């Protein structure tokens, strides 16, 4: 059985760059399927419909929007490779940290970097992009509320109690202190993960409402 074709969406308005990207990716080894958008709203519609493995977003396609605003619309739908000026990397820092965005400054011979990032993205197992309403029977905003109240609030209680005990660590055995520190660290990490999930759900809801 042949491998499934992996969708790459090119959101590039500048004709020369668009031609170079299409020419290289069409002749690359691997089961790629390309879709091209030449303006930002078209890119959002195609990303919503096709759910690509990755979007290559050139700042010419973002138009007058700040690059951060454009990326915010797209990341709930697919990871983004942003081709932009290096000075704009700071406004994309949150998405870079979570792994949703790669930034390639358009300086020198940067296209090999773009291609390397594309193939790194499509080599990963594809994320599950089934709508939550279909998979769980809940809309995203309801699922986010469940995470906040049924998971995050108890975690806050666990964390608070562990920190109260650690405030009296001198009265506790060393092994108990070590376990409490582990509980605290795990609770903080899990709470941060829930925060990121609920933020992504909110972004997805905003993208659908836009």
Protein backbone atom coordinates (compact mmCIF):
# COMPACT_ATOMS: atom_id res chain seq x y z
CA UNK A 1 0.00 0.00 0.00
CA UNK A 2 1.41 3.41 -0.94
CA UNK A 3 2.05 5.96 1.80
CA UNK A 4 -0.66 8.59 2.26
CA UNK A 5 0.09 11.90 0.62
CA UNK A 6 0.99 14.61 3.14
CA UNK A 7 -0.54 18.02 2.50
CA UNK A 8 1.61 21.16 2.51
CA UNK A 9 -0.12 24.52 2.19
CA UNK A 10 1.89 27.35 0.62
CA UNK A 11 0.55 30.73 1.76
CA UNK A 12 2.83 32.86 -0.41
CA UNK A 13 1.82 35.98 -2.33
CA UNK A 14 5.22 36.80 -3.87
CA UNK A 15 5.31 35.06 -7.30
CA UNK A 16 9.03 34.28 -7.57
CA UNK A 17 9.22 32.74 -4.11
CA UNK A 18 6.02 30.80 -4.72
CA UNK A 19 7.42 29.37 -7.97
CA UNK A 20 10.68 28.28 -6.28
CA UNK A 21 8.85 26.58 -3.43
CA UNK A 22 6.41 24.77 -5.72
CA UNK A 23 9.15 23.65 -8.13
CA UNK A 24 11.29 22.18 -5.36
CA UNK A 25 8.54 20.51 -3.35
CA UNK A 26 6.87 18.94 -6.39
CA UNK A 27 10.15 17.25 -7.34
CA UNK A 28 11.12 16.22 -3.83
CA UNK A 29 11.18 12.61 -2.74
CA UNK A 30 8.19 11.72 -0.60
CA UNK A 31 4.40 11.65 -0.98
CA UNK A 32 3.65 15.38 -0.91
CA UNK A 33 0.51 17.13 -2.02
CA UNK A 34 0.61 20.90 -2.43
CA UNK A 35 -2.06 23.53 -2.11
CA UNK A 36 -1.36 27.19 -2.86
CA UNK A 37 -2.97 30.31 -1.41
CA UNK A 38 -2.00 33.78 -2.57
CA UNK A 39 -3.84 35.80 0.07
CA UNK A 40 -4.36 35.32 3.78
CA UNK A 41 -8.11 34.71 3.89
CA UNK A 42 -7.77 32.11 1.16
CA UNK A 43 -5.00 30.47 3.20
CA UNK A 44 -7.25 30.29 6.28
CA UNK A 45 -10.09 28.75 4.30
CA UNK A 46 -7.82 26.14 2.75
CA UNK A 47 -6.19 25.32 6.09
CA UNK A 48 -9.64 24.83 7.64
CA UNK A 49 -10.78 22.61 4.78
CA UNK A 50 -7.59 20.61 4.10
CA UNK A 51 -5.98 20.43 7.55
CA UNK A 52 -2.43 20.32 6.12
CA UNK A 53 0.60 18.86 7.86
CA UNK A 54 2.26 22.28 7.72
CA UNK A 55 1.64 25.79 6.39
CA UNK A 56 4.48 27.82 4.86
CA UNK A 57 3.45 31.41 5.55
CA UNK A 58 5.33 34.20 3.82
CA UNK A 59 4.90 37.68 5.29
CA UNK A 60 3.75 38.95 1.88
CA UNK A 61 0.68 36.74 2.28
CA UNK A 62 -0.04 38.12 5.75
CA UNK A 63 -0.61 41.50 4.12
CA UNK A 64 -1.06 44.40 6.55
CA UNK A 65 -1.61 42.08 9.53
CA UNK A 66 1.10 41.70 12.16
CA UNK A 67 2.77 38.33 11.68
CA UNK A 68 1.69 37.31 15.18
CA UNK A 69 -1.96 37.91 14.33
CA UNK A 70 -1.66 35.87 11.14
CA UNK A 71 0.04 33.00 12.94
CA UNK A 72 -2.60 33.04 15.68
CA UNK A 73 -5.29 32.37 13.06
CA UNK A 74 -3.42 29.43 11.55
CA UNK A 75 -1.78 27.50 14.41
CA UNK A 76 -5.04 25.92 15.64
CA UNK A 77 -5.29 24.37 12.18
CA UNK A 78 -1.68 23.38 11.41
CA UNK A 79 1.94 24.04 12.39
CA UNK A 80 3.40 27.07 10.63
CA UNK A 81 6.77 27.78 9.05
CA UNK A 82 6.92 31.58 9.05
CA UNK A 83 9.13 33.29 6.47
CA UNK A 84 9.68 36.72 7.90
CA UNK A 85 12.18 39.32 8.98
CA UNK A 86 14.32 38.23 11.94
CA UNK A 87 13.14 41.30 13.87
CA UNK A 88 9.65 39.77 14.05
CA UNK A 89 10.73 36.58 15.78
CA UNK A 90 10.02 38.05 19.23
CA UNK A 91 6.28 38.40 18.55
CA UNK A 92 6.18 34.70 17.64
CA UNK A 93 8.14 33.54 20.70
CA UNK A 94 5.21 31.87 22.47
CA UNK A 95 4.41 29.66 19.47
CA UNK A 96 8.08 28.90 18.85
CA UNK A 97 8.37 27.71 22.45
CA UNK A 98 5.38 25.38 22.14
CA UNK A 99 6.65 23.97 18.84
CA UNK A 100 3.75 25.28 16.77
CA UNK A 101 5.89 27.66 14.71
CA UNK A 102 9.30 27.60 13.07
CA UNK A 103 10.74 30.92 11.90
CA UNK A 104 13.04 31.26 8.91
CA UNK A 105 14.49 34.76 8.40
CA UNK A 106 14.57 35.65 4.72
CA UNK A 107 18.30 36.26 4.65
CA UNK A 108 20.85 34.70 2.31
CA UNK A 109 20.21 31.21 0.95
CA UNK A 110 17.35 30.37 3.32
CA UNK A 111 15.28 28.04 1.13
CA UNK A 112 17.18 24.84 2.08
CA UNK A 113 16.25 25.59 5.69
CA UNK A 114 12.58 25.89 4.71
CA UNK A 115 12.67 22.55 2.88
CA UNK A 116 14.44 20.85 5.80
CA UNK A 117 11.76 22.09 8.20
CA UNK A 118 8.95 20.95 5.89
CA UNK A 119 10.33 17.41 5.72
CA UNK A 120 11.00 17.34 9.44
CA UNK A 121 7.35 18.27 10.04
CA UNK A 122 5.87 15.71 7.67
CA UNK A 123 8.16 12.98 9.03
CA UNK A 124 6.46 13.30 12.42
CA UNK A 125 3.30 11.34 13.12
CA UNK A 126 0.38 13.54 12.10
CA UNK A 127 -1.58 15.13 14.94
CA UNK A 128 -5.13 14.01 15.58
CA UNK A 129 -7.25 16.77 14.11
CA UNK A 130 -10.71 15.29 14.70
CA UNK A 131 -13.11 18.00 15.88
CA UNK A 132 -13.72 17.62 19.62
CA UNK A 133 -17.46 17.81 19.13
CA UNK A 134 -17.27 14.72 16.90
CA UNK A 135 -14.75 12.82 19.02
CA UNK A 136 -16.04 13.54 22.52
CA UNK A 137 -19.49 14.98 22.04
CA UNK A 138 -18.37 18.32 23.54
CA UNK A 139 -17.63 21.63 21.81
CA UNK A 140 -14.08 22.94 22.49
CA UNK A 141 -15.23 25.64 24.92
CA UNK A 142 -17.03 23.06 27.07
CA UNK A 143 -14.02 20.74 27.06
CA UNK A 144 -11.79 23.67 28.12
CA UNK A 145 -14.18 24.42 30.99
CA UNK A 146 -14.04 20.79 32.12
CA UNK A 147 -10.24 20.87 32.10
CA UNK A 148 -10.20 24.06 34.16
CA UNK A 149 -12.69 22.94 36.81
CA UNK A 150 -12.28 19.17 37.00
CA UNK A 151 -8.51 18.94 36.51
CA UNK A 152 -6.81 22.29 36.99
CA UNK A 153 -8.61 23.31 40.20
CA UNK A 154 -7.83 20.03 42.03
CA UNK A 155 -4.23 20.35 40.82
CA UNK A 156 -4.05 23.81 42.38
CA UNK A 157 -5.28 22.30 45.65
CA UNK A 158 -2.68 19.52 45.51
CA UNK A 159 0.04 22.03 44.76
CA UNK A 160 -1.04 24.33 47.58
CA UNK A 161 -1.07 21.53 50.15
CA UNK A 162 2.32 20.23 49.03
CA UNK A 163 3.80 23.73 49.30
CA UNK A 164 2.34 24.13 52.81
CA UNK A 165 4.04 20.92 53.89
CA UNK A 166 7.30 21.94 52.23
CA UNK A 167 7.20 25.19 54.19
CA UNK A 168 7.78 22.97 57.25
CA UNK A 169 10.35 20.75 55.62
CA UNK A 170 12.64 20.87 58.63
CA UNK A 171 10.11 18.71 60.54
CA UNK A 172 9.83 16.09 57.79
CA UNK A 173 12.03 13.12 56.90
CA UNK A 174 14.31 13.70 53.91
CA UNK A 175 12.49 11.04 51.84
CA UNK A 176 9.13 12.76 52.45
CA UNK A 177 10.58 16.12 51.39
CA UNK A 178 11.91 14.59 48.19
CA UNK A 179 8.53 13.07 47.35
CA UNK A 180 6.72 16.32 48.06
CA UNK A 181 9.13 18.19 45.80
CA UNK A 182 8.43 15.65 43.05
CA UNK A 183 4.67 16.06 43.53
CA UNK A 184 5.04 19.84 43.36
CA UNK A 185 7.13 19.71 40.19
CA UNK A 186 4.72 17.31 38.46
CA UNK A 187 1.67 19.36 39.48
CA UNK A 188 3.25 22.54 38.10
CA UNK A 189 4.10 20.83 34.80
CA UNK A 190 0.64 19.33 34.45
CA UNK A 191 -1.04 22.63 35.28
CA UNK A 192 1.08 24.35 32.60
CA UNK A 193 0.15 21.67 30.08
CA UNK A 194 -3.54 22.22 30.81
CA UNK A 195 -3.05 25.97 30.44
CA UNK A 196 -1.52 25.43 26.97
CA UNK A 197 -4.33 23.05 25.94
CA UNK A 198 -7.07 25.46 27.03
CA UNK A 199 -5.25 28.31 25.25
CA UNK A 200 -5.12 26.27 22.04
CA UNK A 201 -8.82 25.44 22.36
CA UNK A 202 -9.59 29.13 22.76
CA UNK A 203 -7.51 29.93 19.67
CA UNK A 204 -9.37 27.26 17.69
CA UNK A 205 -12.70 28.73 18.78
CA UNK A 206 -11.55 32.24 17.76
CA UNK A 207 -10.38 30.95 14.37
CA UNK A 208 -13.77 29.37 13.72
CA UNK A 209 -15.60 32.52 14.82
CA UNK A 210 -13.43 34.88 12.73
